[in-house]
């Protein structure tokens, strides 16, 4: 039988053991991550964390909350759109009990973002599933030199080496990995600065530029850095960061979470150089794979061995307004996806003026 509990009533160690045992363990379901997210985004909402205990021990968990949205009460995963790889935790029997308990939820409808394909929640719950983002995955099953040679042609590898040499002509180049809590927080400050430069005059759909979003990142990354999970790789030129990759490492897997660069150095491809260094370090550490959790950038797709898309599930409507909202929400998601497939419209969607882009294209000829 399942029960509802407050997140702070649970032992983080017991909760995290369920996360680590999951088929696709997600650092975004760890107790510290969820607690930090709820403390920064839970205002006006209501926790709906459900657990199953067996012989007094935690055997399963379903991290949910109900938050207001446009006059409706919406059942979401804790983490909402930052709930990458979210799922019900525990053994199959516990998962069945937990999902069955949702027949008594108190929201208008459910909007469950971040489900991996084949997840237990997607299988057990009556949801309408929409693929939201491609999630490139790279297997680290051989030496980095072999992976690198297999993914990029000799000409492309030569171009990348030439860009690094040209960057070195500009000054002292260093890749620095921040791992301790204090170092990670300092590196996050640099990532915020670079993110702001990268997205200036463009539509930024993330919360990485907001005061609340940055406070949340600080809290979550500081705590997880203390557990050896959160890290920030920074590419520096003369001691100043020009690119970064925030990532988390759990159960032998690396999850690339945020990345960016200073557009003033775009000709050197600093973001790609930072990513390649991150992958090489992951192989040296003995990690088994890299997950990008989204993004259709060419270099991610070229590095990937496969795509494991993240899904969004809509359903469990309990009111007429909830049923209507499910249909509207699905239509809106599908419309945005069609919009992004049209290059000119995608630029407008992202807040990049078509005129400026066109002028740049002609200037580059």
Protein backbone atom coordinates (compact mmCIF):
# COMPACT_ATOMS: atom_id res chain seq x y z
CA UNK A 1 0.00 0.00 0.00
CA UNK A 2 1.30 3.47 -0.88
CA UNK A 3 1.37 6.52 1.36
CA UNK A 4 2.01 10.23 0.90
CA UNK A 5 4.94 11.81 2.69
CA UNK A 6 6.86 15.06 2.83
CA UNK A 7 10.19 14.97 1.07
CA UNK A 8 12.08 16.02 4.19
CA UNK A 9 10.60 13.07 6.11
CA UNK A 10 12.60 10.65 3.96
CA UNK A 11 16.20 9.65 4.41
CA UNK A 12 18.17 10.95 1.44
CA UNK A 13 20.32 7.82 1.48
CA UNK A 14 17.31 5.49 1.12
CA UNK A 15 15.73 7.65 -1.58
CA UNK A 16 18.97 7.92 -3.57
CA UNK A 17 19.45 4.15 -3.41
CA UNK A 18 16.20 3.78 -5.40
CA UNK A 19 17.44 6.35 -7.93
CA UNK A 20 20.78 4.58 -8.35
CA UNK A 21 19.05 1.22 -8.87
CA UNK A 22 16.80 2.54 -11.66
CA UNK A 23 17.29 1.14 -15.19
CA UNK A 24 18.29 4.64 -16.33
CA UNK A 25 19.42 6.38 -13.13
CA UNK A 26 18.76 10.12 -13.17
CA UNK A 27 20.71 12.62 -11.05
CA UNK A 28 17.69 14.89 -11.46
CA UNK A 29 15.71 12.57 -9.20
CA UNK A 30 18.25 12.59 -6.37
CA UNK A 31 16.93 13.82 -3.04
CA UNK A 32 19.20 16.90 -2.95
CA UNK A 33 18.16 17.98 -6.46
CA UNK A 34 14.44 17.61 -5.75
CA UNK A 35 14.68 19.33 -2.37
CA UNK A 36 16.51 22.29 -3.90
CA UNK A 37 14.01 22.53 -6.76
CA UNK A 38 11.00 22.43 -4.45
CA UNK A 39 12.43 25.08 -2.14
CA UNK A 40 12.83 27.45 -5.11
CA UNK A 41 9.80 26.55 -7.26
CA UNK A 42 7.26 25.07 -4.88
CA UNK A 43 5.59 28.29 -3.77
CA UNK A 44 1.83 28.00 -4.20
CA UNK A 45 2.09 24.28 -4.89
CA UNK A 46 1.47 21.11 -2.95
CA UNK A 47 3.80 18.13 -2.58
CA UNK A 48 2.36 14.78 -3.67
CA UNK A 49 5.27 12.42 -2.99
CA UNK A 50 4.06 8.82 -2.80
CA UNK A 51 6.08 5.93 -1.40
CA UNK A 52 5.79 2.22 -0.73
CA UNK A 53 7.50 0.64 2.25
CA UNK A 54 8.23 -3.04 2.69
CA UNK A 55 9.35 -4.40 6.05
CA UNK A 56 9.86 -0.82 7.16
CA UNK A 57 12.20 0.02 4.29
CA UNK A 58 11.59 2.30 1.32
CA UNK A 59 10.76 0.06 -1.66
CA UNK A 60 9.30 2.50 -4.16
CA UNK A 61 8.67 6.20 -4.73
CA UNK A 62 6.85 8.53 -7.08
CA UNK A 63 8.04 12.17 -6.78
CA UNK A 64 5.08 14.36 -7.73
CA UNK A 65 3.63 17.74 -6.90
CA UNK A 66 0.55 19.76 -7.80
CA UNK A 67 1.10 23.32 -8.97
CA UNK A 68 -1.29 26.00 -10.22
CA UNK A 69 -1.17 26.84 -13.91
CA UNK A 70 -3.59 29.25 -15.61
CA UNK A 71 -6.33 28.59 -13.10
CA UNK A 72 -5.88 24.82 -13.15
CA UNK A 73 -4.22 22.40 -10.76
CA UNK A 74 -1.60 20.38 -12.63
CA UNK A 75 0.02 17.16 -11.43
CA UNK A 76 3.74 17.21 -12.34
CA UNK A 77 6.94 15.45 -11.54
CA UNK A 78 9.02 17.25 -8.95
CA UNK A 79 11.33 19.23 -11.17
CA UNK A 80 8.69 19.93 -13.86
CA UNK A 81 10.59 20.61 -17.10
CA UNK A 82 13.88 20.02 -15.31
CA UNK A 83 12.81 16.46 -14.45
CA UNK A 84 14.99 14.74 -17.02
CA UNK A 85 14.51 10.95 -17.11
CA UNK A 86 11.78 11.18 -14.47
CA UNK A 87 9.99 7.94 -13.59
CA UNK A 88 8.46 5.91 -10.83
CA UNK A 89 11.20 4.38 -8.65
CA UNK A 90 11.45 0.91 -7.15
CA UNK A 91 10.68 -2.68 -8.05
CA UNK A 92 7.84 -3.59 -10.47
CA UNK A 93 5.37 -4.43 -7.67
CA UNK A 94 5.96 -1.08 -5.97
CA UNK A 95 5.72 0.75 -9.30
CA UNK A 96 2.31 -0.82 -9.95
CA UNK A 97 1.04 0.17 -6.51
CA UNK A 98 2.28 3.73 -6.88
CA UNK A 99 0.84 4.34 -10.34
CA UNK A 100 -2.47 2.78 -9.32
CA UNK A 101 -2.65 5.20 -6.40
CA UNK A 102 -2.91 8.12 -8.86
CA UNK A 103 -6.57 7.30 -9.33
CA UNK A 104 -7.05 9.48 -6.25
CA UNK A 105 -4.98 12.50 -7.26
CA UNK A 106 -6.46 15.95 -6.64
CA UNK A 107 -5.39 17.82 -9.80
CA UNK A 108 -7.30 18.71 -12.96
CA UNK A 109 -4.89 16.74 -15.12
CA UNK A 110 -1.32 15.41 -15.24
CA UNK A 111 1.54 16.86 -17.29
CA UNK A 112 4.53 14.57 -16.77
CA UNK A 113 7.63 15.82 -18.55
CA UNK A 114 10.95 14.04 -19.05
CA UNK A 115 9.81 10.43 -19.28
CA UNK A 116 12.34 8.12 -20.93
CA UNK A 117 10.95 5.84 -23.63
CA UNK A 118 9.85 2.55 -22.13
CA UNK A 119 9.64 4.00 -18.63
CA UNK A 120 7.42 2.29 -16.09
CA UNK A 121 5.28 5.39 -15.65
CA UNK A 122 4.69 5.63 -19.40
CA UNK A 123 3.81 1.93 -19.52
CA UNK A 124 1.56 1.79 -16.46
CA UNK A 125 -0.30 5.10 -16.70
CA UNK A 126 -2.98 6.02 -19.29
CA UNK A 127 -1.06 8.91 -20.81
CA UNK A 128 -0.94 10.46 -24.26
CA UNK A 129 2.77 10.61 -25.01
CA UNK A 130 4.52 13.23 -27.12
CA UNK A 131 8.24 13.06 -27.95
CA UNK A 132 9.65 16.37 -26.75
CA UNK A 133 13.42 16.34 -27.27
CA UNK A 134 15.99 14.17 -28.92
CA UNK A 135 18.45 12.88 -26.35
CA UNK A 136 21.77 11.92 -27.97
CA UNK A 137 23.72 9.20 -26.18
CA UNK A 138 27.40 8.34 -26.69
CA UNK A 139 28.73 4.96 -25.57
CA UNK A 140 32.21 5.10 -24.06
CA UNK A 141 33.14 1.52 -24.88
CA UNK A 142 36.67 2.00 -26.24
CA UNK A 143 39.63 4.39 -25.98
CA UNK A 144 38.80 8.03 -26.70
CA UNK A 145 41.17 8.14 -29.69
CA UNK A 146 39.16 5.37 -31.36
CA UNK A 147 35.80 7.00 -30.57
CA UNK A 148 37.00 10.38 -31.81
CA UNK A 149 38.37 8.92 -35.06
CA UNK A 150 35.14 7.02 -35.68
CA UNK A 151 32.93 10.06 -35.15
CA UNK A 152 34.83 12.70 -37.14
CA UNK A 153 36.67 12.53 -40.44
CA UNK A 154 40.41 13.16 -40.56
CA UNK A 155 39.71 16.53 -42.18
CA UNK A 156 37.29 17.56 -39.45
CA UNK A 157 39.68 16.45 -36.70
CA UNK A 158 42.43 18.50 -38.35
CA UNK A 159 40.13 21.53 -38.45
CA UNK A 160 39.34 21.15 -34.75
CA UNK A 161 43.03 20.88 -33.86
CA UNK A 162 43.75 23.97 -35.96
CA UNK A 163 41.08 25.93 -34.11
CA UNK A 164 42.63 24.98 -30.79
CA UNK A 165 46.08 26.08 -32.01
CA UNK A 166 44.67 29.38 -33.22
CA UNK A 167 42.98 29.89 -29.89
CA UNK A 168 46.34 29.24 -28.21
CA UNK A 169 47.79 32.02 -30.37
CA UNK A 170 45.33 34.36 -28.61
CA UNK A 171 46.70 33.57 -25.14
CA UNK A 172 47.08 30.86 -22.50
CA UNK A 173 44.47 28.14 -22.94
CA UNK A 174 43.45 25.86 -20.09
CA UNK A 175 40.66 23.36 -19.45
CA UNK A 176 39.77 23.43 -15.76
CA UNK A 177 37.43 20.99 -14.02
CA UNK A 178 35.65 22.36 -10.95
CA UNK A 179 34.69 19.55 -8.55
CA UNK A 180 34.66 20.86 -4.97
CA UNK A 181 31.55 22.73 -3.78
CA UNK A 182 33.28 26.12 -3.64
CA UNK A 183 34.99 25.68 -7.02
CA UNK A 184 31.74 24.52 -8.60
CA UNK A 185 29.85 27.57 -7.31
CA UNK A 186 32.57 29.90 -8.65
CA UNK A 187 32.47 28.13 -12.03
CA UNK A 188 28.67 28.45 -12.06
CA UNK A 189 29.10 32.20 -11.77
CA UNK A 190 31.19 32.11 -14.94
CA UNK A 191 28.59 29.94 -16.65
CA UNK A 192 25.87 32.49 -15.86
CA UNK A 193 27.98 35.26 -17.40
CA UNK A 194 28.64 33.23 -20.55
CA UNK A 195 25.02 32.15 -20.83
CA UNK A 196 23.95 35.79 -20.71
CA UNK A 197 26.42 36.67 -23.49
CA UNK A 198 25.34 33.71 -25.59
CA UNK A 199 21.62 34.46 -25.38
CA UNK A 200 21.70 38.24 -25.54
CA UNK A 201 18.99 39.50 -27.93
CA UNK A 202 17.67 35.95 -28.33
CA UNK A 203 14.73 34.12 -26.81
CA UNK A 204 15.97 32.10 -23.83
CA UNK A 205 13.49 29.42 -22.86
CA UNK A 206 15.50 28.35 -19.81
CA UNK A 207 15.59 29.89 -16.36
CA UNK A 208 19.38 30.17 -16.39
CA UNK A 209 19.14 33.95 -16.65
CA UNK A 210 16.71 34.42 -13.78
CA UNK A 211 17.58 35.12 -10.15
CA UNK A 212 15.50 32.18 -8.97
CA UNK A 213 16.96 29.82 -11.54
CA UNK A 214 20.52 30.74 -10.61
CA UNK A 215 19.80 30.38 -6.90
CA UNK A 216 18.41 26.91 -7.55
CA UNK A 217 21.45 25.88 -9.59
CA UNK A 218 23.75 27.14 -6.83
CA UNK A 219 21.91 25.16 -4.17
CA UNK A 220 21.62 21.92 -6.15
CA UNK A 221 25.13 21.95 -7.60
CA UNK A 222 26.80 22.86 -4.31
CA UNK A 223 25.15 19.94 -2.49
CA UNK A 224 25.74 17.42 -5.28
CA UNK A 225 29.34 18.56 -5.72
CA UNK A 226 29.84 17.56 -2.08
CA UNK A 227 28.71 14.06 -3.11
CA UNK A 228 31.08 13.94 -6.10
CA UNK A 229 28.21 14.22 -8.60
CA UNK A 230 28.07 17.81 -9.88
CA UNK A 231 30.95 19.29 -11.87
CA UNK A 232 31.66 22.22 -14.18
CA UNK A 233 34.29 22.04 -16.93
CA UNK A 234 35.53 25.47 -17.98
CA UNK A 235 37.65 26.45 -20.98
CA UNK A 236 39.74 29.47 -20.03
CA UNK A 237 41.71 31.95 -22.11
CA UNK A 238 44.25 33.88 -20.03
CA UNK A 239 42.36 32.84 -16.91
CA UNK A 240 38.94 34.01 -18.14
CA UNK A 241 36.21 31.50 -18.99
CA UNK A 242 35.09 31.44 -22.62
CA UNK A 243 33.13 28.14 -22.56
CA UNK A 244 31.63 25.79 -19.99
CA UNK A 245 29.89 22.45 -19.59
CA UNK A 246 27.94 21.78 -16.40
CA UNK A 247 27.45 18.07 -15.94
CA UNK A 248 26.56 15.41 -13.40
CA UNK A 249 28.07 11.96 -12.96
CA UNK A 250 26.01 9.11 -11.51
CA UNK A 251 26.45 5.35 -11.64
CA UNK A 252 29.16 5.52 -14.27
CA UNK A 253 27.19 7.84 -16.56
CA UNK A 254 27.82 11.47 -17.43
CA UNK A 255 24.83 13.76 -17.95
CA UNK A 256 25.64 16.98 -19.81
CA UNK A 257 23.25 19.50 -18.28
CA UNK A 258 24.17 23.04 -19.38
CA UNK A 259 26.76 24.30 -21.82
CA UNK A 260 27.61 27.57 -23.49
CA UNK A 261 30.34 29.87 -24.73
CA UNK A 262 31.27 33.47 -25.37
CA UNK A 263 30.05 34.27 -28.91
CA UNK A 264 33.03 36.60 -29.37
CA UNK A 265 35.13 33.44 -29.73
CA UNK A 266 32.69 31.47 -31.86
CA UNK A 267 35.22 31.12 -34.71
CA UNK A 268 37.26 28.82 -32.48
CA UNK A 269 34.27 26.56 -31.62
CA UNK A 270 35.03 26.77 -27.87
CA UNK A 271 31.84 24.94 -26.90
CA UNK A 272 32.79 21.95 -29.04
CA UNK A 273 36.36 21.98 -27.76
CA UNK A 274 35.02 21.96 -24.20
CA UNK A 275 32.66 19.07 -24.99
CA UNK A 276 35.43 16.99 -26.59
CA UNK A 277 37.63 17.51 -23.54
CA UNK A 278 34.74 16.50 -21.30
CA UNK A 279 34.25 13.26 -23.26
CA UNK A 280 37.95 12.44 -23.15
CA UNK A 281 37.99 12.94 -19.38
CA UNK A 282 34.93 10.71 -19.04
CA UNK A 283 36.69 7.87 -20.88
CA UNK A 284 39.79 8.31 -18.71
CA UNK A 285 37.61 8.09 -15.60
CA UNK A 286 36.07 4.83 -16.79
CA UNK A 287 32.54 6.17 -17.34
CA UNK A 288 30.32 4.15 -19.65
CA UNK A 289 28.31 6.76 -21.55
CA UNK A 290 27.47 10.42 -22.06
CA UNK A 291 23.85 11.62 -22.16
CA UNK A 292 23.03 15.07 -23.59
CA UNK A 293 19.34 15.00 -22.54
CA UNK A 294 18.32 17.02 -25.55
CA UNK A 295 19.49 19.24 -28.33
CA UNK A 296 19.70 18.68 -32.05
CA UNK A 297 23.02 20.45 -32.60
CA UNK A 298 25.01 18.83 -35.37
CA UNK A 299 28.02 17.96 -33.24
CA UNK A 300 25.85 16.20 -30.64
CA UNK A 301 24.17 14.13 -33.31
CA UNK A 302 27.53 13.34 -34.87
CA UNK A 303 28.96 12.18 -31.55
CA UNK A 304 25.89 10.15 -30.63
CA UNK A 305 25.55 6.41 -31.07
CA UNK A 306 21.79 6.64 -30.74
CA UNK A 307 18.89 8.89 -29.73
CA UNK A 308 16.81 8.10 -26.64
CA UNK A 309 14.09 10.77 -26.80
CA UNK A 310 12.44 12.24 -23.73
CA UNK A 311 8.66 12.18 -23.67
CA UNK A 312 5.93 14.25 -22.13
CA UNK A 313 2.81 12.45 -20.92
CA UNK A 314 -0.60 14.12 -20.66
CA UNK A 315 -3.68 12.61 -19.11
CA UNK A 316 -5.31 11.49 -15.85
CA UNK A 317 -7.85 14.28 -16.30
CA UNK A 318 -10.42 14.42 -13.52
CA UNK A 319 -12.42 17.49 -14.58
CA UNK A 320 -13.93 18.81 -17.80
CA UNK A 321 -11.42 21.65 -17.78
CA UNK A 322 -8.66 19.12 -17.31
CA UNK A 323 -9.80 17.11 -20.34
CA UNK A 324 -9.88 20.28 -22.43
CA UNK A 325 -6.46 21.35 -21.18
CA UNK A 326 -4.91 18.03 -22.23
CA UNK A 327 -6.07 18.53 -25.81
CA UNK A 328 -4.94 22.15 -25.89
CA UNK A 329 -1.55 21.34 -24.39
CA UNK A 330 -0.84 18.53 -26.85
CA UNK A 331 -1.86 20.74 -29.79
CA UNK A 332 0.41 23.52 -28.55
CA UNK A 333 3.42 21.22 -28.20
CA UNK A 334 2.90 19.79 -31.66
CA UNK A 335 2.50 23.27 -33.15
CA UNK A 336 5.81 24.39 -31.61
CA UNK A 337 7.51 21.30 -32.97
CA UNK A 338 6.27 22.08 -36.48
CA UNK A 339 7.39 25.68 -36.04
CA UNK A 340 10.91 24.65 -35.10
CA UNK A 341 11.22 22.50 -38.22
CA UNK A 342 10.91 25.59 -40.46
CA UNK A 343 14.31 27.41 -40.36
CA UNK A 344 13.05 30.99 -40.78
CA UNK A 345 10.19 30.50 -38.32
CA UNK A 346 12.53 28.80 -35.87
CA UNK A 347 14.77 31.86 -35.86
CA UNK A 348 11.78 34.04 -35.06
CA UNK A 349 10.69 31.60 -32.33
CA UNK A 350 14.14 31.83 -30.77
CA UNK A 351 14.11 35.62 -30.98
CA UNK A 352 16.78 35.93 -33.68
CA UNK A 353 15.84 38.50 -36.34
CA UNK A 354 15.73 37.01 -39.81
CA UNK A 355 17.08 40.24 -41.30
CA UNK A 356 20.19 40.16 -39.13
CA UNK A 357 20.78 36.48 -39.91
CA UNK A 358 20.38 37.08 -43.62
CA UNK A 359 22.75 40.02 -43.58
CA UNK A 360 25.32 37.90 -41.75
CA UNK A 361 25.00 35.19 -44.37
CA UNK A 362 25.70 37.62 -47.19
CA UNK A 363 28.58 39.21 -45.29
CA UNK A 364 30.21 35.82 -44.90
CA UNK A 365 30.33 35.16 -48.64
